Amino acid sequence: MKIITICGSLKYQDEIMKISEEVTLQGNCILSIIYPASRDISAYSAEERKLFGAMHRERIRLSDAILVVNLDDYIGESTRQEIEFARSLNKEILYYAD
């Protein structure tokens, strides 16, 4: 069993939830993205968005690996920063692509 943090674009929320379930059923502990309840990240203040980012980096810190969800050949800037952060911590980087 590995502890894995899922990283990817919020626009793929439904797909990421399915992938998280799949990887959990393979016997891994998944730390997932926290999705805005309104599905609109702009509903949050800059300070709240910053907190979401800090907590996601903390999930990466706690993980053995990250799983980068690369759908439609899209990895956004935030996800790229998460990959670099994981690399700086010598975390294993896994990819899920369609």
PDB file of N, CA and C in Angstrom:
ATOM      1  N   MET A   1       0.832  -1.180   0.000  1.00  0.00           N
ATOM      2  CA  MET A   1       0.000   0.000   0.000  1.00  0.00           C
ATOM      3  C   MET A   1       0.879   1.247   0.000  1.00  0.00           C
ATOM      4  N   LYS A   2       0.492   2.189  -0.837  1.00  0.00           N
ATOM      5  CA  LYS A   2       1.157   3.487  -0.871  1.00  0.00           C
ATOM      6  C   LYS A   2       0.143   4.563  -0.492  1.00  0.00           C
ATOM      7  N   ILE A   3       0.654   5.641   0.061  1.00  0.00           N
ATOM      8  CA  ILE A   3      -0.154   6.841   0.261  1.00  0.00           C
ATOM      9  C   ILE A   3       0.119   7.720  -0.943  1.00  0.00           C
ATOM     10  N   ILE A   4      -0.950   8.030  -1.701  1.00  0.00           N
ATOM     11  CA  ILE A   4      -0.810   8.745  -2.972  1.00  0.00           C
ATOM     12  C   ILE A   4      -1.716   9.965  -2.972  1.00  0.00           C
ATOM     13  N   THR A   5      -1.150  11.105  -3.322  1.00  0.00           N
ATOM     14  CA  THR A   5      -1.940  12.321  -3.500  1.00  0.00           C
ATOM     15  C   THR A   5      -2.249  12.486  -4.980  1.00  0.00           C
ATOM     16  N   ILE A   6      -3.519  12.712  -5.271  1.00  0.00           N
ATOM     17  CA  ILE A   6      -3.955  12.941  -6.644  1.00  0.00           C
ATOM     18  C   ILE A   6      -3.719  14.408  -6.996  1.00  0.00           C
ATOM     19  N   CYS A   7      -3.137  14.656  -8.172  1.00  0.00           N
ATOM     20  CA  CYS A   7      -2.907  16.012  -8.665  1.00  0.00           C
ATOM     21  C   CYS A   7      -3.482  16.120 -10.074  1.00  0.00           C
ATOM     22  N   GLY A   8      -4.153  17.218 -10.364  1.00  0.00           N
ATOM     23  CA  GLY A   8      -4.706  17.429 -11.688  1.00  0.00           C
ATOM     24  C   GLY A   8      -5.642  18.614 -11.702  1.00  0.00           C
ATOM     25  N   SER A   9      -6.122  18.925 -12.859  1.00  0.00           N
ATOM     26  CA  SER A   9      -6.975  20.086 -13.059  1.00  0.00           C
ATOM     27  C   SER A   9      -8.359  19.883 -12.454  1.00  0.00           C
ATOM     28  N   LEU A  10      -8.868  20.929 -11.812  1.00  0.00           N
ATOM     29  CA  LEU A  10     -10.217  20.882 -11.252  1.00  0.00           C
ATOM     30  C   LEU A  10     -11.278  20.654 -12.318  1.00  0.00           C
ATOM     31  N   LYS A  11     -10.963  20.963 -13.568  1.00  0.00           N
ATOM     32  CA  LYS A  11     -11.958  20.770 -14.620  1.00  0.00           C
ATOM     33  C   LYS A  11     -12.232  19.295 -14.877  1.00  0.00           C
ATOM     34  N   TYR A  12     -11.391  18.411 -14.342  1.00  0.00           N
ATOM     35  CA  TYR A  12     -11.581  16.968 -14.497  1.00  0.00           C
ATOM     36  C   TYR A  12     -12.069  16.324 -13.199  1.00  0.00           C
ATOM     37  N   GLN A  13     -12.824  17.059 -12.421  1.00  0.00           N
ATOM     38  CA  GLN A  13     -13.284  16.590 -11.112  1.00  0.00           C
ATOM     39  C   GLN A  13     -13.946  15.217 -11.187  1.00  0.00           C
ATOM     40  N   ASP A  14     -14.894  15.038 -12.055  1.00  0.00           N
ATOM     41  CA  ASP A  14     -15.615  13.763 -12.124  1.00  0.00           C
ATOM     42  C   ASP A  14     -14.674  12.610 -12.467  1.00  0.00           C
ATOM     43  N   GLU A  15     -13.782  12.833 -13.422  1.00  0.00           N
ATOM     44  CA  GLU A  15     -12.840  11.796 -13.813  1.00  0.00           C
ATOM     45  C   GLU A  15     -11.854  11.485 -12.692  1.00  0.00           C
ATOM     46  N   ILE A  16     -11.391  12.526 -11.995  1.00  0.00           N
ATOM     47  CA  ILE A  16     -10.443  12.333 -10.897  1.00  0.00           C
ATOM     48  C   ILE A  16     -11.089  11.543  -9.766  1.00  0.00           C
ATOM     49  N   MET A  17     -12.359  11.786  -9.506  1.00  0.00           N
ATOM     50  CA  MET A  17     -13.054  11.026  -8.473  1.00  0.00           C
ATOM     51  C   MET A  17     -13.108   9.539  -8.843  1.00  0.00           C
ATOM     52  N   LYS A  18     -13.357   9.230 -10.103  1.00  0.00           N
ATOM     53  CA  LYS A  18     -13.379   7.833 -10.561  1.00  0.00           C
ATOM     54  C   LYS A  18     -11.993   7.204 -10.465  1.00  0.00           C
ATOM     55  N   ILE A  19     -10.978   7.952 -10.873  1.00  0.00           N
ATOM     56  CA  ILE A  19      -9.601   7.453 -10.809  1.00  0.00           C
ATOM     57  C   ILE A  19      -9.202   7.217  -9.356  1.00  0.00           C
ATOM     58  N   SER A  20      -9.587   8.124  -8.454  1.00  0.00           N
ATOM     59  CA  SER A  20      -9.287   7.964  -7.025  1.00  0.00           C
ATOM     60  C   SER A  20      -9.897   6.677  -6.485  1.00  0.00           C
ATOM     61  N   GLU A  21     -11.131   6.404  -6.897  1.00  0.00           N
ATOM     62  CA  GLU A  21     -11.792   5.167  -6.468  1.00  0.00           C
ATOM     63  C   GLU A  21     -11.037   3.943  -7.005  1.00  0.00           C
ATOM     64  N   GLU A  22     -10.671   3.993  -8.274  1.00  0.00           N
ATOM     65  CA  GLU A  22      -9.950   2.881  -8.910  1.00  0.00           C
ATOM     66  C   GLU A  22      -8.633   2.587  -8.196  1.00  0.00           C
ATOM     67  N   VAL A  23      -7.879   3.632  -7.903  1.00  0.00           N
ATOM     68  CA  VAL A  23      -6.573   3.457  -7.273  1.00  0.00           C
ATOM     69  C   VAL A  23      -6.741   3.009  -5.815  1.00  0.00           C
ATOM     70  N   THR A  24      -7.795   3.447  -5.160  1.00  0.00           N
ATOM     71  CA  THR A  24      -8.099   2.975  -3.807  1.00  0.00           C
ATOM     72  C   THR A  24      -8.397   1.479  -3.823  1.00  0.00           C
ATOM     73  N   LEU A  25      -9.186   1.043  -4.808  1.00  0.00           N
ATOM     74  CA  LEU A  25      -9.540  -0.369  -4.901  1.00  0.00           C
ATOM     75  C   LEU A  25      -8.339  -1.249  -5.248  1.00  0.00           C
ATOM     76  N   GLN A  26      -7.236  -0.634  -5.664  1.00  0.00           N
ATOM     77  CA  GLN A  26      -5.991  -1.360  -5.896  1.00  0.00           C
ATOM     78  C   GLN A  26      -5.187  -1.496  -4.602  1.00  0.00           C
ATOM     79  N   GLY A  27      -5.738  -0.953  -3.501  1.00  0.00           N
ATOM     80  CA  GLY A  27      -5.101  -1.096  -2.195  1.00  0.00           C
ATOM     81  C   GLY A  27      -4.255   0.068  -1.747  1.00  0.00           C
ATOM     82  N   ASN A  28      -4.486   1.242  -2.326  1.00  0.00           N
ATOM     83  CA  ASN A  28      -3.723   2.426  -1.952  1.00  0.00           C
ATOM     84  C   ASN A  28      -4.576   3.384  -1.139  1.00  0.00           C
ATOM     85  N   CYS A  29      -3.918   4.172  -0.317  1.00  0.00           N
ATOM     86  CA  CYS A  29      -4.584   5.225   0.451  1.00  0.00           C
ATOM     87  C   CYS A  29      -4.468   6.517  -0.360  1.00  0.00           C
ATOM     88  N   ILE A  30      -5.601   7.073  -0.757  1.00  0.00           N
ATOM     89  CA  ILE A  30      -5.617   8.237  -1.634  1.00  0.00           C
ATOM     90  C   ILE A  30      -5.922   9.506  -0.845  1.00  0.00           C
ATOM     91  N   LEU A  31      -5.093  10.507  -1.048  1.00  0.00           N
ATOM     92  CA  LEU A  31      -5.341  11.851  -0.532  1.00  0.00           C
ATOM     93  C   LEU A  31      -5.750  12.670  -1.746  1.00  0.00           C
ATOM     94  N   SER A  32      -6.956  13.169  -1.736  1.00  0.00           N
ATOM     95  CA  SER A  32      -7.514  13.766  -2.938  1.00  0.00           C
ATOM     96  C   SER A  32      -7.526  15.283  -2.885  1.00  0.00           C
ATOM     97  N   ILE A  33      -7.807  15.830  -4.014  1.00  0.00           N
ATOM     98  CA  ILE A  33      -8.024  17.260  -4.166  1.00  0.00           C
ATOM     99  C   ILE A  33      -9.313  17.620  -3.420  1.00  0.00           C
ATOM    100  N   ILE A  34      -9.333  18.788  -2.804  1.00  0.00           N
ATOM    101  CA  ILE A  34     -10.566  19.293  -2.205  1.00  0.00           C
ATOM    102  C   ILE A  34     -11.235  20.168  -3.258  1.00  0.00           C
ATOM    103  N   TYR A  35     -12.424  19.763  -3.638  1.00  0.00           N
ATOM    104  CA  TYR A  35     -13.138  20.470  -4.698  1.00  0.00           C
ATOM    105  C   TYR A  35     -14.049  21.536  -4.110  1.00  0.00           C
ATOM    106  N   PRO A  36     -14.140  22.698  -4.768  1.00  0.00           N
ATOM    107  CA  PRO A  36     -15.061  23.737  -4.304  1.00  0.00           C
ATOM    108  C   PRO A  36     -16.493  23.204  -4.316  1.00  0.00           C
ATOM    109  N   ALA A  37     -17.191  23.377  -3.226  1.00  0.00           N
ATOM    110  CA  ALA A  37     -18.565  22.881  -3.132  1.00  0.00           C
ATOM    111  C   ALA A  37     -19.449  23.493  -4.220  1.00  0.00           C
ATOM    112  N   SER A  38     -19.142  24.707  -4.614  1.00  0.00           N
ATOM    113  CA  SER A  38     -19.939  25.384  -5.640  1.00  0.00           C
ATOM    114  C   SER A  38     -19.449  25.065  -7.053  1.00  0.00           C
ATOM    115  N   ARG A  39     -18.350  24.285  -7.158  1.00  0.00           N
ATOM    116  CA  ARG A  39     -17.677  23.991  -8.438  1.00  0.00           C
ATOM    117  C   ARG A  39     -17.115  25.249  -9.085  1.00  0.00           C
ATOM    118  N   ASP A  40     -16.943  26.297  -8.310  1.00  0.00           N
ATOM    119  CA  ASP A  40     -16.403  27.543  -8.837  1.00  0.00           C
ATOM    120  C   ASP A  40     -15.355  28.068  -7.866  1.00  0.00           C
ATOM    121  N   ILE A  41     -14.089  27.851  -8.187  1.00  0.00           N
ATOM    122  CA  ILE A  41     -13.005  28.250  -7.292  1.00  0.00           C
ATOM    123  C   ILE A  41     -12.983  29.760  -7.059  1.00  0.00           C
ATOM    124  N   SER A  42     -13.519  30.539  -8.007  1.00  0.00           N
ATOM    125  CA  SER A  42     -13.525  31.990  -7.839  1.00  0.00           C
ATOM    126  C   SER A  42     -14.482  32.445  -6.744  1.00  0.00           C
ATOM    127  N   ALA A  43     -15.306  31.532  -6.218  1.00  0.00           N
ATOM    128  CA  ALA A  43     -16.209  31.869  -5.120  1.00  0.00           C
ATOM    129  C   ALA A  43     -15.438  32.056  -3.810  1.00  0.00           C
ATOM    130  N   TYR A  44     -14.162  31.670  -3.806  1.00  0.00           N
ATOM    131  CA  TYR A  44     -13.339  31.768  -2.608  1.00  0.00           C
ATOM    132  C   TYR A  44     -12.410  32.968  -2.695  1.00  0.00           C
ATOM    133  N   SER A  45     -12.074  33.510  -1.546  1.00  0.00           N
ATOM    134  CA  SER A  45     -11.148  34.643  -1.499  1.00  0.00           C
ATOM    135  C   SER A  45      -9.746  34.167  -1.868  1.00  0.00           C
ATOM    136  N   ALA A  46      -8.890  35.114  -2.170  1.00  0.00           N
ATOM    137  CA  ALA A  46      -7.498  34.785  -2.494  1.00  0.00           C
ATOM    138  C   ALA A  46      -6.848  34.062  -1.320  1.00  0.00           C
ATOM    139  N   GLU A  47      -7.154  34.486  -0.113  1.00  0.00           N
ATOM    140  CA  GLU A  47      -6.593  33.853   1.082  1.00  0.00           C
ATOM    141  C   GLU A  47      -7.082  32.404   1.215  1.00  0.00           C
ATOM    142  N   GLU A  48      -8.346  32.163   0.935  1.00  0.00           N
ATOM    143  CA  GLU A  48      -8.878  30.796   1.000  1.00  0.00           C
ATOM    144  C   GLU A  48      -8.249  29.909  -0.077  1.00  0.00           C
ATOM    145  N   ARG A  49      -8.081  30.448  -1.287  1.00  0.00           N
ATOM    146  CA  ARG A  49      -7.442  29.674  -2.357  1.00  0.00           C
ATOM    147  C   ARG A  49      -5.994  29.346  -1.997  1.00  0.00           C
ATOM    148  N   LYS A  50      -5.332  30.290  -1.354  1.00  0.00           N
ATOM    149  CA  LYS A  50      -3.956  30.073  -0.908  1.00  0.00           C
ATOM    150  C   LYS A  50      -3.918  28.944   0.139  1.00  0.00           C
ATOM    151  N   LEU A  51      -4.908  28.917   1.033  1.00  0.00           N
ATOM    152  CA  LEU A  51      -4.990  27.860   2.039  1.00  0.00           C
ATOM    153  C   LEU A  51      -5.216  26.499   1.377  1.00  0.00           C
ATOM    154  N   PHE A  52      -6.103  26.439   0.365  1.00  0.00           N
ATOM    155  CA  PHE A  52      -6.311  25.197  -0.365  1.00  0.00           C
ATOM    156  C   PHE A  52      -4.978  24.689  -0.940  1.00  0.00           C
ATOM    157  N   GLY A  53      -4.212  25.588  -1.524  1.00  0.00           N
ATOM    158  CA  GLY A  53      -2.918  25.212  -2.105  1.00  0.00           C
ATOM    159  C   GLY A  53      -1.932  24.724  -1.049  1.00  0.00           C
ATOM    160  N   ALA A  54      -1.887  25.405   0.072  1.00  0.00           N
ATOM    161  CA  ALA A  54      -0.974  25.011   1.153  1.00  0.00           C
ATOM    162  C   ALA A  54      -1.346  23.631   1.699  1.00  0.00           C
ATOM    163  N   MET A  55      -2.623  23.384   1.839  1.00  0.00           N
ATOM    164  CA  MET A  55      -3.062  22.086   2.352  1.00  0.00           C
ATOM    165  C   MET A  55      -2.802  20.973   1.336  1.00  0.00           C
ATOM    166  N   HIS A  56      -2.887  21.303   0.053  1.00  0.00           N
ATOM    167  CA  HIS A  56      -2.580  20.290  -0.968  1.00  0.00           C
ATOM    168  C   HIS A  56      -1.088  19.950  -0.940  1.00  0.00           C
ATOM    169  N   ARG A  57      -0.250  20.955  -0.759  1.00  0.00           N
ATOM    170  CA  ARG A  57       1.189  20.691  -0.624  1.00  0.00           C
ATOM    171  C   ARG A  57       1.466  19.845   0.626  1.00  0.00           C
ATOM    172  N   GLU A  58       0.700  20.065   1.670  1.00  0.00           N
ATOM    173  CA  GLU A  58       0.866  19.247   2.878  1.00  0.00           C
ATOM    174  C   GLU A  58       0.482  17.794   2.602  1.00  0.00           C
ATOM    175  N   ARG A  59      -0.571  17.567   1.806  1.00  0.00           N
ATOM    176  CA  ARG A  59      -0.933  16.203   1.419  1.00  0.00           C
ATOM    177  C   ARG A  59       0.209  15.561   0.632  1.00  0.00           C
ATOM    178  N   ILE A  60       0.833  16.336  -0.250  1.00  0.00           N
ATOM    179  CA  ILE A  60       1.972  15.816  -1.016  1.00  0.00           C
ATOM    180  C   ILE A  60       3.105  15.445  -0.068  1.00  0.00           C
ATOM    181  N   ARG A  61       3.350  16.300   0.907  1.00  0.00           N
ATOM    182  CA  ARG A  61       4.411  16.053   1.883  1.00  0.00           C
ATOM    183  C   ARG A  61       4.170  14.732   2.627  1.00  0.00           C
ATOM    184  N   LEU A  62       2.923  14.430   2.944  1.00  0.00           N
ATOM    185  CA  LEU A  62       2.570  13.220   3.690  1.00  0.00           C
ATOM    186  C   LEU A  62       2.595  11.956   2.838  1.00  0.00           C
ATOM    187  N   SER A  63       2.612  12.114   1.531  1.00  0.00           N
ATOM    188  CA  SER A  63       2.461  10.994   0.600  1.00  0.00           C
ATOM    189  C   SER A  63       3.777  10.302   0.279  1.00  0.00           C
ATOM    190  N   ASP A  64       3.620   9.058  -0.182  1.00  0.00           N
ATOM    191  CA  ASP A  64       4.753   8.338  -0.753  1.00  0.00           C
ATOM    192  C   ASP A  64       4.950   8.747  -2.206  1.00  0.00           C
ATOM    193  N   ALA A  65       3.838   9.126  -2.859  1.00  0.00           N
ATOM    194  CA  ALA A  65       3.863   9.433  -4.293  1.00  0.00           C
ATOM    195  C   ALA A  65       2.729  10.385  -4.622  1.00  0.00           C
ATOM    196  N   ILE A  66       2.820  10.981  -5.823  1.00  0.00           N
ATOM    197  CA  ILE A  66       1.677  11.712  -6.367  1.00  0.00           C
ATOM    198  C   ILE A  66       1.255  10.998  -7.652  1.00  0.00           C
ATOM    199  N   LEU A  67      -0.028  11.110  -7.956  1.00  0.00           N
ATOM    200  CA  LEU A  67      -0.561  10.588  -9.208  1.00  0.00           C
ATOM    201  C   LEU A  67      -1.072  11.781  -9.999  1.00  0.00           C
ATOM    202  N   VAL A  68      -0.386  12.083 -11.089  1.00  0.00           N
ATOM    203  CA  VAL A  68      -0.746  13.213 -11.938  1.00  0.00           C
ATOM    204  C   VAL A  68      -1.766  12.728 -12.962  1.00  0.00           C
ATOM    205  N   VAL A  69      -2.947  13.316 -12.927  1.00  0.00           N
ATOM    206  CA  VAL A  69      -3.992  12.969 -13.886  1.00  0.00           C
ATOM    207  C   VAL A  69      -3.815  13.870 -15.099  1.00  0.00           C
ATOM    208  N   ASN A  70      -3.447  13.241 -16.208  1.00  0.00           N
ATOM    209  CA  ASN A  70      -3.163  13.956 -17.450  1.00  0.00           C
ATOM    210  C   ASN A  70      -4.204  13.537 -18.486  1.00  0.00           C
ATOM    211  N   LEU A  71      -5.328  14.213 -18.500  1.00  0.00           N
ATOM    212  CA  LEU A  71      -6.393  13.914 -19.447  1.00  0.00           C
ATOM    213  C   LEU A  71      -6.362  14.941 -20.570  1.00  0.00           C
ATOM    214  N   ASP A  72      -6.680  14.516 -21.751  1.00  0.00           N
ATOM    215  CA  ASP A  72      -6.659  15.399 -22.932  1.00  0.00           C
ATOM    216  C   ASP A  72      -5.300  16.055 -23.116  1.00  0.00           C
ATOM    217  N   ASP A  73      -4.236  15.361 -22.639  1.00  0.00           N
ATOM    218  CA  ASP A  73      -2.866  15.872 -22.726  1.00  0.00           C
ATOM    219  C   ASP A  73      -2.749  17.258 -22.100  1.00  0.00           C
ATOM    220  N   TYR A  74      -3.424  17.446 -20.942  1.00  0.00           N
ATOM    221  CA  TYR A  74      -3.440  18.750 -20.277  1.00  0.00           C
ATOM    222  C   TYR A  74      -2.887  18.629 -18.865  1.00  0.00           C
ATOM    223  N   ILE A  75      -1.814  19.361 -18.617  1.00  0.00           N
ATOM    224  CA  ILE A  75      -1.282  19.547 -17.269  1.00  0.00           C
ATOM    225  C   ILE A  75      -1.126  21.049 -17.091  1.00  0.00           C
ATOM    226  N   GLY A  76      -1.927  21.610 -16.193  1.00  0.00           N
ATOM    227  CA  GLY A  76      -1.923  23.056 -15.978  1.00  0.00           C
ATOM    228  C   GLY A  76      -0.754  23.523 -15.121  1.00  0.00           C
ATOM    229  N   GLU A  77      -0.637  24.815 -15.003  1.00  0.00           N
ATOM    230  CA  GLU A  77       0.480  25.417 -14.272  1.00  0.00           C
ATOM    231  C   GLU A  77       0.499  25.002 -12.805  1.00  0.00           C
ATOM    232  N   SER A  78      -0.653  24.967 -12.147  1.00  0.00           N
ATOM    233  CA  SER A  78      -0.685  24.555 -10.732  1.00  0.00           C
ATOM    234  C   SER A  78      -0.202  23.125 -10.576  1.00  0.00           C
ATOM    235  N   THR A  79      -0.635  22.252 -11.467  1.00  0.00           N
ATOM    236  CA  THR A  79      -0.212  20.852 -11.402  1.00  0.00           C
ATOM    237  C   THR A  79       1.282  20.738 -11.673  1.00  0.00           C
ATOM    238  N   ARG A  80       1.798  21.528 -12.611  1.00  0.00           N
ATOM    239  CA  ARG A  80       3.247  21.520 -12.870  1.00  0.00           C
ATOM    240  C   ARG A  80       4.026  21.930 -11.614  1.00  0.00           C
ATOM    241  N   GLN A  81       3.499  22.914 -10.899  1.00  0.00           N
ATOM    242  CA  GLN A  81       4.147  23.340  -9.655  1.00  0.00           C
ATOM    243  C   GLN A  81       4.099  22.230  -8.605  1.00  0.00           C
ATOM    244  N   GLU A  82       2.986  21.489  -8.563  1.00  0.00           N
ATOM    245  CA  GLU A  82       2.871  20.370  -7.628  1.00  0.00           C
ATOM    246  C   GLU A  82       3.875  19.265  -7.975  1.00  0.00           C
ATOM    247  N   ILE A  83       4.061  19.013  -9.266  1.00  0.00           N
ATOM    248  CA  ILE A  83       5.050  18.017  -9.704  1.00  0.00           C
ATOM    249  C   ILE A  83       6.444  18.437  -9.242  1.00  0.00           C
ATOM    250  N   GLU A  84       6.785  19.695  -9.453  1.00  0.00           N
ATOM    251  CA  GLU A  84       8.107  20.185  -9.040  1.00  0.00           C
ATOM    252  C   GLU A  84       8.269  20.114  -7.522  1.00  0.00           C
ATOM    253  N   PHE A  85       7.209  20.433  -6.792  1.00  0.00           N
ATOM    254  CA  PHE A  85       7.254  20.342  -5.334  1.00  0.00           C
ATOM    255  C   PHE A  85       7.498  18.897  -4.904  1.00  0.00           C
ATOM    256  N   ALA A  86       6.778  17.959  -5.518  1.00  0.00           N
ATOM    257  CA  ALA A  86       6.959  16.539  -5.203  1.00  0.00           C
ATOM    258  C   ALA A  86       8.381  16.099  -5.526  1.00  0.00           C
ATOM    259  N   ARG A  87       8.905  16.541  -6.651  1.00  0.00           N
ATOM    260  CA  ARG A  87      10.296  16.207  -7.023  1.00  0.00           C
ATOM    261  C   ARG A  87      11.277  16.725  -5.974  1.00  0.00           C
ATOM    262  N   SER A  88      11.030  17.942  -5.494  1.00  0.00           N
ATOM    263  CA  SER A  88      11.933  18.537  -4.501  1.00  0.00           C
ATOM    264  C   SER A  88      11.949  17.724  -3.207  1.00  0.00           C
ATOM    265  N   LEU A  89      10.881  16.957  -2.967  1.00  0.00           N
ATOM    266  CA  LEU A  89      10.786  16.107  -1.774  1.00  0.00           C
ATOM    267  C   LEU A  89      11.147  14.653  -2.074  1.00  0.00           C
ATOM    268  N   ASN A  90      11.613  14.397  -3.302  1.00  0.00           N
ATOM    269  CA  ASN A  90      11.978  13.043  -3.740  1.00  0.00           C
ATOM    270  C   ASN A  90      10.810  12.066  -3.671  1.00  0.00           C
ATOM    271  N   LYS A  91       9.617  12.553  -3.995  1.00  0.00           N
ATOM    272  CA  LYS A  91       8.431  11.698  -4.031  1.00  0.00           C
ATOM    273  C   LYS A  91       8.359  10.992  -5.379  1.00  0.00           C
ATOM    274  N   GLU A  92       7.798   9.802  -5.378  1.00  0.00           N
ATOM    275  CA  GLU A  92       7.556   9.094  -6.626  1.00  0.00           C
ATOM    276  C   GLU A  92       6.457   9.828  -7.391  1.00  0.00           C
ATOM    277  N   ILE A  93       6.627   9.958  -8.702  1.00  0.00           N
ATOM    278  CA  ILE A  93       5.643  10.656  -9.524  1.00  0.00           C
ATOM    279  C   ILE A  93       5.075   9.655 -10.528  1.00  0.00           C
ATOM    280  N   LEU A  94       3.788   9.414 -10.393  1.00  0.00           N
ATOM    281  CA  LEU A  94       3.060   8.493 -11.271  1.00  0.00           C
ATOM    282  C   LEU A  94       2.155   9.316 -12.171  1.00  0.00           C
ATOM    283  N   TYR A  95       1.834   8.770 -13.342  1.00  0.00           N
ATOM    284  CA  TYR A  95       0.971   9.483 -14.285  1.00  0.00           C
ATOM    285  C   TYR A  95      -0.199   8.594 -14.687  1.00  0.00           C
ATOM    286  N   TYR A  96      -1.344   9.201 -14.810  1.00  0.00           N
ATOM    287  CA  TYR A  96      -2.542   8.552 -15.345  1.00  0.00           C
ATOM    288  C   TYR A  96      -2.938   9.365 -16.563  1.00  0.00           C
ATOM    289  N   ALA A  97      -2.916   8.738 -17.726  1.00  0.00           N
ATOM    290  CA  ALA A  97      -3.254   9.453 -18.973  1.00  0.00           C
ATOM    291  C   ALA A  97      -4.329   8.687 -19.709  1.00  0.00           C
ATOM    292  N   ASP A  98      -5.104   9.425 -20.492  1.00  0.00           N
ATOM    293  CA  ASP A  98      -6.133   8.759 -21.299  1.00  0.00           C
ATOM    294  C   ASP A  98      -5.606   8.467 -22.689  1.00  0.00           C
TER     295      ASP A  98
END
